[in-house]
Amino acid sequence: MYCVSCGTPVCYQCLEEGKHGQHEVKALGAMWKQHKTQLSQALNGVSDKAKEAKEFLVQLKNILQQIQENGLDYEACLVAQCDALVDALTRQKAKLLTKVTKDREHKLKISDALIKRVQVSQEQWVKGALEPKVSAEFDLTLDSEPLLQSIHQLDFIQMKCRVPPVPLLQLEKCCTRNNSVTLAWRMPPFTHNPVEGYILELDDGDGGQFREVYVGKETLCTIDGLHFNSTYNARVKAFNSSGVGPYSKTVVLQTSDVAWFTFDPSSAHRDIVLSNDNQTATCSSYDDRVVLGTAAFSKGVHYWELHVDRYDNHPDPAFGIARINVIKDMMLGKDDKAWAMYVDNNRSWFMHCNSHTSRTEGGVSKGATVGVLLDLNKHSLAFYINGQQQGPPAFENVEGVFMPALSLNRNVQVNPFQFRLTRSACQPTEKFYCLSKVIA
């Protein structure tokens, strides 16, 4: 047992015959657990305080390092400012010396002229006929007192925090890839006003209003999901506690007119197996799994093909388009985030929201080519097998941002081919008018 009043373990004999008979006692095991819990809590508290102290020390070290770096920057700035003052004084000195030289030459020129006139007119010389018209004294006095006072009064002042200056866009680092743009910027050298963050703005790619696309401390930003074949204007400004600084110059960026894409490993289901630089897709599961392309389409006409490299045991792969948040552990088209055609070796169906429509004869086999025509000008989606349209136009009123999508199991392997259409009326059964055809 344990005597709570005395804080010590006791035996039963002490409880019956000793001084602990009237004290509050508890089971020794329960008190041991209680003390263990209290000790654990105390140790956790000590550990938390030690962690806080460690973080505080790291913060102090960071501040020390920042003080050293800022000290070096300010020393360099002070040297540069003093050098600029010395240069200005040197330039002013040269100007003043030039002025004195010109005045001296002017006086000498006048004196020489008088000497010549006297020499010429010696025979008619009359005292007082000529008088010197120039003084030997220089009527110039250098007033250096205000400058000396200013130099003696030169000292540091506590600068009031002002808004940041204009950021400088680093054009050599600004670039585009597909329908993504990357922008980079920096602050001018010797910027003393603090910067708490930046605001990056982009227009709509059609000369419309600017909108904020990024707010933060980074000086490099990539914006995805823009329109293809569009010209975007971008600008950036900095801000701090005093307000927002002026805009940078505007940079113009052109997105690609040809949409190149591969399969996206970052968003694919974990059972999807990609190879050949993410250009070939298969699956490790017998269940259907979804993989998306790396490009996103929001306007224009886009056509791409997928080549069936392997087709075993009559599976039902599905081809189409999807939103970025499509469900990836079931066949494409079973949820409301995908529009697809699924096909076996004999026939095909269109599917959206798990609704099956337009059964059409004609399937796929090894070596087959499945085409997807997404016309966002007409908001329609159509499918093709080996260059022939499969059934009627599959879906109408298709609007938004879509990514190429595919669902398959381990019995299928595909590669994507991609086209850029230059005529919206072009169909796969006609001659293609395209810039290029690549495995992408």
Protein backbone atom coordinates (compact mmCIF):
# COMPACT_ATOMS: atom_id res chain seq x y z
CA MET A 1 0.00 0.00 0.00
CA TYR A 2 0.97 3.66 -0.30
CA CYS A 3 0.37 6.37 2.32
CA VAL A 4 -0.83 9.48 0.53
CA SER A 5 -0.28 11.71 3.57
CA CYS A 6 3.32 10.63 4.13
CA GLY A 7 4.17 9.94 0.52
CA THR A 8 5.78 6.58 1.24
CA PRO A 9 5.01 2.87 0.72
CA VAL A 10 3.71 1.07 3.85
CA CYS A 11 3.03 -2.50 4.86
CA TYR A 12 -0.19 -3.88 6.32
CA GLN A 13 1.30 -4.08 9.82
CA CYS A 14 2.07 -0.35 9.76
CA LEU A 15 -1.48 0.30 8.68
CA GLU A 16 -2.95 -1.65 11.56
CA GLU A 17 -0.52 -0.86 14.36
CA GLY A 18 1.53 2.16 13.28
CA LYS A 19 0.99 5.83 12.66
CA HIS A 20 -0.46 5.26 9.19
CA GLY A 21 -3.64 3.74 10.54
CA GLN A 22 -5.61 6.99 10.24
CA HIS A 23 -3.98 8.20 7.01
CA GLU A 24 -5.35 8.00 3.49
CA VAL A 25 -3.85 5.04 1.69
CA LYS A 26 -4.07 3.74 -1.85
CA ALA A 27 -2.93 0.67 -3.70
CA LEU A 28 0.77 0.82 -4.43
CA GLY A 29 0.30 -0.26 -8.08
CA ALA A 30 -2.26 2.49 -8.73
CA MET A 31 -0.04 5.12 -7.13
CA TRP A 32 2.93 3.85 -9.15
CA LYS A 33 0.95 4.31 -12.37
CA GLN A 34 -0.17 7.76 -11.23
CA HIS A 35 3.38 8.81 -10.41
CA LYS A 36 4.59 7.34 -13.70
CA THR A 37 1.99 9.38 -15.58
CA GLN A 38 2.94 12.55 -13.71
CA LEU A 39 6.62 11.90 -14.35
CA SER A 40 5.93 11.25 -18.03
CA GLN A 41 3.97 14.49 -18.27
CA ALA A 42 6.78 16.37 -16.55
CA LEU A 43 9.34 14.85 -18.91
CA ASN A 44 7.17 15.75 -21.90
CA GLY A 45 6.96 19.28 -20.58
CA VAL A 46 10.73 19.41 -20.19
CA SER A 47 11.10 17.95 -23.69
CA ASP A 48 8.75 20.56 -25.15
CA LYS A 49 10.64 23.35 -23.40
CA ALA A 50 13.93 21.91 -24.64
CA LYS A 51 12.50 21.81 -28.15
CA GLU A 52 11.31 25.41 -27.83
CA ALA A 53 14.74 26.42 -26.51
CA LYS A 54 16.41 24.64 -29.42
CA GLU A 55 14.12 26.38 -31.91
CA PHE A 56 14.83 29.69 -30.19
CA LEU A 57 18.58 29.07 -30.46
CA VAL A 58 18.18 28.26 -34.17
CA GLN A 59 16.19 31.47 -34.57
CA LEU A 60 18.93 33.43 -32.79
CA LYS A 61 21.58 31.87 -35.02
CA ASN A 62 19.55 32.75 -38.09
CA ILE A 63 19.17 36.32 -36.84
CA LEU A 64 22.93 36.46 -36.19
CA GLN A 65 23.64 35.22 -39.70
CA GLN A 66 21.15 37.70 -41.12
CA ILE A 67 22.77 40.52 -39.13
CA GLN A 68 26.16 39.56 -40.55
CA GLU A 69 24.79 39.41 -44.10
CA ASN A 70 22.89 42.68 -43.72
CA GLY A 71 25.97 44.29 -42.15
CA LEU A 72 28.06 43.36 -45.18
CA ASP A 73 25.35 44.67 -47.50
CA TYR A 74 25.13 47.96 -45.64
CA GLU A 75 28.92 48.30 -45.58
CA ALA A 76 29.00 47.80 -49.33
CA CYS A 77 26.16 50.28 -49.75
CA LEU A 78 27.92 52.86 -47.53
CA VAL A 79 31.16 52.49 -49.49
CA ALA A 80 29.24 52.88 -52.74
CA GLN A 81 27.46 56.01 -51.48
CA CYS A 82 30.68 57.60 -50.20
CA ASP A 83 32.43 56.72 -53.45
CA ALA A 84 29.57 58.37 -55.33
CA LEU A 85 30.00 61.53 -53.21
CA VAL A 86 33.76 61.53 -53.86
CA ASP A 87 33.14 61.06 -57.59
CA ALA A 88 30.64 63.91 -57.59
CA LEU A 89 33.10 66.16 -55.73
CA THR A 90 35.87 65.19 -58.17
CA ARG A 91 33.65 66.02 -61.13
CA GLN A 92 32.69 69.36 -59.57
CA LYS A 93 36.36 70.08 -58.89
CA ALA A 94 37.15 69.50 -62.57
CA LYS A 95 34.32 71.86 -63.59
CA LEU A 96 35.57 74.62 -61.26
CA LEU A 97 39.17 74.26 -62.47
CA THR A 98 37.93 74.50 -66.05
CA LYS A 99 36.08 77.69 -65.19
CA VAL A 100 39.21 79.23 -63.60
CA THR A 101 41.30 78.24 -66.64
CA LYS A 102 38.82 79.86 -69.01
CA ASP A 103 38.76 83.07 -66.93
CA ARG A 104 42.56 83.21 -66.90
CA GLU A 105 42.76 82.69 -70.65
CA HIS A 106 40.18 85.44 -71.16
CA LYS A 107 42.22 87.88 -69.06
CA LEU A 108 45.44 86.98 -70.89
CA LYS A 109 43.76 87.45 -74.25
CA ILE A 110 42.58 90.95 -73.36
CA SER A 111 46.02 91.91 -71.98
CA ASP A 112 47.76 90.70 -75.16
CA ALA A 113 45.39 92.78 -77.27
CA LEU A 114 46.16 95.92 -75.23
CA ILE A 115 49.91 95.33 -75.53
CA LYS A 116 49.64 95.11 -79.32
CA ARG A 117 47.56 98.27 -79.53
CA VAL A 118 50.14 100.19 -77.46
CA GLN A 119 52.99 98.94 -79.63
CA VAL A 120 51.17 99.98 -82.81
CA SER A 121 50.27 103.47 -81.55
CA GLN A 122 53.55 104.47 -79.89
CA GLU A 123 53.92 107.53 -82.13
CA GLN A 124 50.51 108.92 -81.15
CA TRP A 125 50.90 107.88 -77.54
CA VAL A 126 49.17 110.17 -75.12
CA LYS A 127 49.18 109.26 -71.50
CA GLY A 128 45.76 108.27 -70.42
CA ALA A 129 44.57 107.47 -73.92
CA LEU A 130 44.47 103.80 -73.06
CA GLU A 131 43.55 102.18 -69.77
CA PRO A 132 43.85 98.58 -68.72
CA LYS A 133 40.43 96.96 -69.13
CA VAL A 134 41.19 93.88 -67.19
CA SER A 135 42.13 93.33 -63.58
CA ALA A 136 44.89 91.01 -62.49
CA GLU A 137 42.68 89.78 -59.69
CA PHE A 138 40.31 86.82 -60.06
CA ASP A 139 36.83 87.72 -58.88
CA LEU A 140 36.05 84.10 -57.97
CA THR A 141 35.47 82.85 -54.44
CA LEU A 142 34.72 79.19 -53.79
CA ASP A 143 31.88 78.89 -51.26
CA SER A 144 32.72 75.52 -49.67
CA GLU A 145 31.26 76.21 -46.24
CA PRO A 146 27.77 74.66 -46.86
CA LEU A 147 29.35 71.53 -48.33
CA LEU A 148 31.76 71.21 -45.39
CA GLN A 149 28.86 71.55 -42.98
CA SER A 150 26.91 68.90 -44.88
CA ILE A 151 29.89 66.54 -44.83
CA HIS A 152 30.35 67.03 -41.08
CA GLN A 153 26.63 66.41 -40.54
CA LEU A 154 26.61 63.29 -42.72
CA ASP A 155 25.23 60.46 -40.53
CA PHE A 156 22.74 57.59 -40.50
CA ILE A 157 19.05 58.24 -40.01
CA GLN A 158 16.24 55.89 -39.09
CA MET A 159 14.51 55.41 -42.39
CA LYS A 160 10.74 55.23 -42.45
CA CYS A 161 9.52 52.02 -44.03
CA ARG A 162 8.32 52.68 -47.55
CA VAL A 163 6.59 50.53 -50.13
CA PRO A 164 8.94 48.27 -52.13
CA PRO A 165 10.33 49.43 -55.48
CA VAL A 166 9.48 47.94 -58.85
CA PRO A 167 10.47 44.24 -59.21
CA LEU A 168 12.66 43.33 -62.18
CA LEU A 169 11.39 40.52 -64.42
CA GLN A 170 14.15 38.04 -65.29
CA LEU A 171 13.30 37.55 -68.93
CA GLU A 172 15.97 34.89 -69.43
CA LYS A 173 14.11 32.67 -66.95
CA CYS A 174 10.56 33.37 -68.21
CA CYS A 175 9.34 30.63 -70.55
CA THR A 176 6.35 28.61 -71.74
CA ARG A 177 5.74 24.89 -72.13
CA ASN A 178 2.53 23.56 -73.63
CA ASN A 179 -0.20 25.59 -71.89
CA SER A 180 1.94 26.52 -68.88
CA VAL A 181 3.97 29.67 -68.31
CA THR A 182 6.84 30.20 -65.86
CA LEU A 183 7.82 33.65 -64.64
CA ALA A 184 10.78 34.77 -62.53
CA TRP A 185 11.64 38.13 -61.00
CA ARG A 186 13.94 39.79 -58.45
CA MET A 187 14.28 43.06 -56.56
CA PRO A 188 16.77 45.73 -57.68
CA PRO A 189 20.19 45.76 -55.94
CA PHE A 190 20.62 47.89 -52.78
CA THR A 191 16.92 47.72 -51.99
CA HIS A 192 16.49 48.75 -48.35
CA ASN A 193 12.71 48.73 -48.12
CA PRO A 194 11.57 45.34 -46.78
CA VAL A 195 9.54 43.00 -49.01
CA GLU A 196 6.93 40.72 -47.43
CA GLY A 197 5.65 39.15 -50.62
CA TYR A 198 4.71 39.48 -54.26
CA ILE A 199 1.50 39.60 -56.30
CA LEU A 200 1.64 38.08 -59.78
CA GLU A 201 -1.12 39.01 -62.23
CA LEU A 202 -2.04 37.49 -65.59
CA ASP A 203 -4.65 38.48 -68.13
CA ASP A 204 -7.08 36.04 -69.78
CA GLY A 205 -4.94 35.44 -72.88
CA ASP A 206 -7.33 37.48 -75.01
CA GLY A 207 -6.47 41.04 -73.96
CA GLY A 208 -8.87 41.04 -71.02
CA GLN A 209 -8.53 42.20 -67.45
CA PHE A 210 -5.61 41.16 -65.24
CA ARG A 211 -6.30 38.78 -62.36
CA GLU A 212 -4.20 37.61 -59.43
CA VAL A 213 -2.72 34.16 -59.98
CA TYR A 214 -0.12 34.07 -57.17
CA VAL A 215 0.48 35.80 -53.83
CA GLY A 216 3.52 34.75 -51.78
CA LYS A 217 7.22 35.13 -51.05
CA GLU A 218 8.63 33.07 -53.92
CA THR A 219 10.24 34.78 -56.91
CA LEU A 220 9.50 31.94 -59.36
CA CYS A 221 6.00 30.81 -60.31
CA THR A 222 4.52 28.39 -62.88
CA ILE A 223 0.87 28.74 -63.93
CA ASP A 224 -0.72 25.65 -65.48
CA GLY A 225 -3.98 25.03 -67.31
CA LEU A 226 -3.90 28.05 -69.64
CA HIS A 227 -5.31 28.19 -73.16
CA PHE A 228 -3.22 26.83 -76.00
CA ASN A 229 -2.15 29.14 -78.82
CA SER A 230 -2.84 32.24 -76.72
CA THR A 231 -0.85 35.36 -75.83
CA TYR A 232 -0.72 36.21 -72.13
CA ASN A 233 0.44 39.43 -70.46
CA ALA A 234 1.97 39.15 -66.99
CA ARG A 235 3.15 41.64 -64.39
CA VAL A 236 4.25 41.52 -60.75
CA LYS A 237 4.41 43.91 -57.80
CA ALA A 238 5.83 43.69 -54.28
CA PHE A 239 4.20 44.60 -50.99
CA ASN A 240 5.05 45.16 -47.31
CA SER A 241 3.37 46.57 -44.22
CA SER A 242 3.41 50.08 -45.72
CA GLY A 243 1.50 49.10 -48.84
CA VAL A 244 1.84 47.79 -52.38
CA GLY A 245 4.61 48.94 -54.69
CA PRO A 246 4.34 49.77 -58.39
CA TYR A 247 3.91 47.16 -61.13
CA SER A 248 6.82 45.78 -63.07
CA LYS A 249 7.02 46.04 -66.80
CA THR A 250 4.62 43.72 -68.61
CA VAL A 251 6.03 40.56 -70.18
CA VAL A 252 4.24 38.86 -73.09
CA LEU A 253 4.24 35.05 -73.26
CA GLN A 254 2.86 32.85 -76.05
CA THR A 255 1.56 29.38 -75.17
CA SER A 256 2.20 26.50 -77.56
CA ASP A 257 -0.04 26.08 -80.60
CA VAL A 258 0.65 22.33 -80.53
CA ALA A 259 -0.37 20.37 -77.44
CA TRP A 260 2.30 17.81 -76.61
CA PHE A 261 1.54 15.45 -73.76
CA THR A 262 2.58 12.21 -72.11
CA PHE A 263 0.87 10.16 -69.42
CA ASP A 264 1.00 11.84 -66.03
CA PRO A 265 2.61 9.64 -63.34
CA SER A 266 1.82 12.11 -60.54
CA SER A 267 -1.95 11.79 -60.92
CA ALA A 268 -2.21 8.19 -62.19
CA HIS A 269 -3.63 5.37 -60.07
CA ARG A 270 -0.90 3.49 -58.24
CA ASP A 271 -1.61 0.33 -60.29
CA ILE A 272 -0.84 2.13 -63.56
CA VAL A 273 2.57 1.15 -64.98
CA LEU A 274 4.26 3.76 -67.21
CA SER A 275 7.40 3.27 -69.29
CA ASN A 276 9.21 4.69 -72.30
CA ASP A 277 9.43 8.17 -70.70
CA ASN A 278 5.75 7.97 -69.68
CA GLN A 279 4.70 7.36 -73.29
CA THR A 280 3.54 3.78 -72.76
CA ALA A 281 0.81 2.76 -70.30
CA THR A 282 -0.37 -0.57 -68.92
CA CYS A 283 -1.64 -1.77 -65.55
CA SER A 284 -0.63 -4.25 -62.86
CA SER A 285 -4.23 -5.00 -61.84
CA TYR A 286 -7.05 -6.96 -63.46
CA ASP A 287 -9.36 -4.08 -62.47
CA ASP A 288 -9.69 -0.97 -64.59
CA ARG A 289 -7.51 1.96 -63.52
CA VAL A 290 -7.37 5.53 -64.86
CA VAL A 291 -4.40 7.57 -66.10
CA LEU A 292 -4.53 11.16 -67.40
CA GLY A 293 -2.44 13.09 -69.92
CA THR A 294 -0.18 15.96 -68.89
CA ALA A 295 -2.02 18.56 -71.04
CA ALA A 296 -5.30 20.32 -70.30
CA PHE A 297 -7.63 21.70 -73.00
CA SER A 298 -10.14 24.52 -72.59
CA LYS A 299 -10.66 25.87 -76.12
CA GLY A 300 -9.88 24.98 -79.73
CA VAL A 301 -10.01 21.70 -81.66
CA HIS A 302 -7.83 18.80 -80.50
CA TYR A 303 -7.37 15.33 -81.93
CA TRP A 304 -5.14 12.58 -80.62
CA GLU A 305 -4.82 8.84 -81.18
CA LEU A 306 -3.89 5.95 -78.94
CA HIS A 307 -2.23 2.89 -80.43
CA VAL A 308 -3.14 -0.48 -78.88
CA ASP A 309 0.21 -2.26 -78.51
CA ARG A 310 -1.19 -5.27 -76.62
CA TYR A 311 -4.73 -6.64 -76.28
CA ASP A 312 -5.23 -9.99 -74.47
CA ASN A 313 -8.32 -11.85 -73.20
CA HIS A 314 -10.88 -9.34 -74.57
CA PRO A 315 -10.70 -6.53 -71.96
CA ASP A 316 -12.74 -3.28 -72.14
CA PRO A 317 -10.35 -0.32 -72.24
CA ALA A 318 -11.99 3.13 -72.17
CA PHE A 319 -10.76 6.24 -74.01
CA GLY A 320 -11.87 9.82 -73.57
CA ILE A 321 -11.50 12.98 -71.51
CA ALA A 322 -11.80 13.77 -67.81
CA ARG A 323 -11.53 16.43 -65.15
CA ILE A 324 -8.44 16.47 -62.98
CA ASN A 325 -10.44 15.05 -60.01
CA VAL A 326 -11.86 12.02 -61.85
CA ILE A 327 -12.16 8.81 -59.80
CA LYS A 328 -9.25 6.61 -60.82
CA ASP A 329 -10.04 3.16 -59.38
CA MET A 330 -12.83 2.26 -61.81
CA MET A 331 -13.61 2.38 -65.52
CA LEU A 332 -13.44 5.79 -67.17
CA GLY A 333 -16.93 7.29 -67.59
CA LYS A 334 -18.59 5.73 -64.55
CA ASP A 335 -18.54 9.01 -62.62
CA ASP A 336 -19.61 12.53 -63.64
CA LYS A 337 -16.02 13.70 -64.17
CA ALA A 338 -15.31 11.70 -67.35
CA TRP A 339 -16.70 11.25 -70.88
CA ALA A 340 -15.55 8.05 -72.56
CA MET A 341 -15.95 5.29 -75.10
CA TYR A 342 -15.26 1.80 -73.81
CA VAL A 343 -14.70 -0.95 -76.33
CA ASP A 344 -14.09 -4.69 -76.53
CA ASN A 345 -13.08 -6.80 -79.53
CA ASN A 346 -16.53 -6.57 -81.18
CA ARG A 347 -18.37 -3.39 -80.20
CA SER A 348 -18.23 -0.10 -78.28
CA TRP A 349 -20.41 2.07 -76.03
CA PHE A 350 -20.30 5.69 -74.88
CA MET A 351 -20.41 6.26 -71.13
CA HIS A 352 -20.84 9.19 -68.74
CA CYS A 353 -22.19 9.06 -65.18
CA ASN A 354 -22.34 5.25 -65.61
CA SER A 355 -24.94 5.69 -68.40
CA HIS A 356 -24.24 3.44 -71.40
CA THR A 357 -25.42 4.69 -74.81
CA SER A 358 -24.97 4.17 -78.58
CA ARG A 359 -23.83 0.58 -78.85
CA THR A 360 -21.85 0.38 -82.10
CA GLU A 361 -20.41 -2.61 -83.88
CA GLY A 362 -16.64 -2.68 -84.40
CA GLY A 363 -14.04 -3.32 -81.75
CA VAL A 364 -10.31 -3.23 -81.20
CA SER A 365 -7.45 -5.69 -81.33
CA LYS A 366 -3.68 -5.53 -81.16
CA GLY A 367 -2.44 -2.83 -83.52
CA ALA A 368 -5.72 -0.89 -83.54
CA THR A 369 -5.78 2.91 -83.33
CA VAL A 370 -8.39 4.77 -81.27
CA GLY A 371 -8.89 8.49 -82.05
CA VAL A 372 -10.43 11.16 -79.85
CA LEU A 373 -11.72 14.41 -81.40
CA LEU A 374 -12.44 17.12 -78.82
CA ASP A 375 -13.99 20.17 -80.49
CA LEU A 376 -14.32 22.85 -77.82
CA ASN A 377 -15.46 25.38 -80.43
CA LYS A 378 -18.57 23.25 -81.01
CA HIS A 379 -18.44 21.70 -77.51
CA SER A 380 -18.58 18.15 -78.88
CA LEU A 381 -16.66 14.90 -78.46
CA ALA A 382 -16.33 12.11 -81.04
CA PHE A 383 -14.42 8.82 -81.25
CA TYR A 384 -12.75 6.90 -84.08
CA ILE A 385 -11.38 3.38 -84.51
CA ASN A 386 -8.78 2.90 -87.23
CA GLY A 387 -9.75 6.24 -88.82
CA GLN A 388 -13.51 5.55 -88.97
CA GLN A 389 -15.95 7.44 -86.74
CA GLN A 390 -17.44 5.11 -84.17
CA GLY A 391 -21.17 5.82 -84.03
CA PRO A 392 -22.65 9.34 -83.90
CA PRO A 393 -20.97 12.26 -82.07
CA ALA A 394 -20.68 10.89 -78.57
CA PHE A 395 -21.34 13.95 -76.41
CA GLU A 396 -22.60 17.50 -76.88
CA ASN A 397 -22.46 20.57 -74.60
CA VAL A 398 -18.97 19.67 -73.41
CA GLU A 399 -17.54 22.73 -71.65
CA GLY A 400 -14.71 23.37 -69.21
CA VAL A 401 -11.14 22.17 -68.80
CA PHE A 402 -10.40 18.58 -69.84
CA MET A 403 -7.42 16.26 -69.90
CA PRO A 404 -6.86 13.23 -72.16
CA ALA A 405 -7.83 10.14 -70.16
CA LEU A 406 -7.65 6.38 -70.41
CA SER A 407 -8.68 3.41 -68.27
CA LEU A 408 -7.25 -0.08 -68.77
CA ASN A 409 -6.22 -3.25 -66.96
CA ARG A 410 -3.19 -5.50 -67.21
CA ASN A 411 -4.38 -7.06 -70.50
CA VAL A 412 -3.93 -3.80 -72.45
CA GLN A 413 -0.97 -1.58 -73.35
CA VAL A 414 -1.25 1.68 -75.34
CA ASN A 415 0.84 4.57 -76.74
CA PRO A 416 -0.52 8.04 -77.55
CA PHE A 417 -0.11 9.82 -80.88
CA GLN A 418 -1.08 13.46 -81.13
CA PHE A 419 -2.17 15.85 -83.87
CA ARG A 420 -2.75 19.56 -84.20
CA LEU A 421 -5.69 20.34 -86.51
CA THR A 422 -5.49 23.49 -88.58
CA ARG A 423 -9.01 23.12 -89.94
CA SER A 424 -11.87 22.59 -87.51
CA ALA A 425 -13.82 20.72 -90.22
CA CYS A 426 -11.04 18.18 -90.70
CA GLN A 427 -12.08 14.61 -89.92
CA PRO A 428 -9.80 11.57 -89.45
CA THR A 429 -11.14 9.99 -92.65
CA GLU A 430 -9.88 12.98 -94.66
CA LYS A 431 -6.33 14.04 -95.35
CA PHE A 432 -4.80 15.53 -92.20
CA TYR A 433 -3.62 19.11 -92.16
CA CYS A 434 -1.31 19.08 -89.21
CA LEU A 435 2.03 20.49 -88.18
CA SER A 436 3.40 17.28 -86.79
CA LYS A 437 2.63 13.79 -85.60
CA VAL A 438 4.69 12.60 -82.65
CA ILE A 439 4.75 9.99 -79.95
CA ALA A 440 4.34 12.22 -76.93
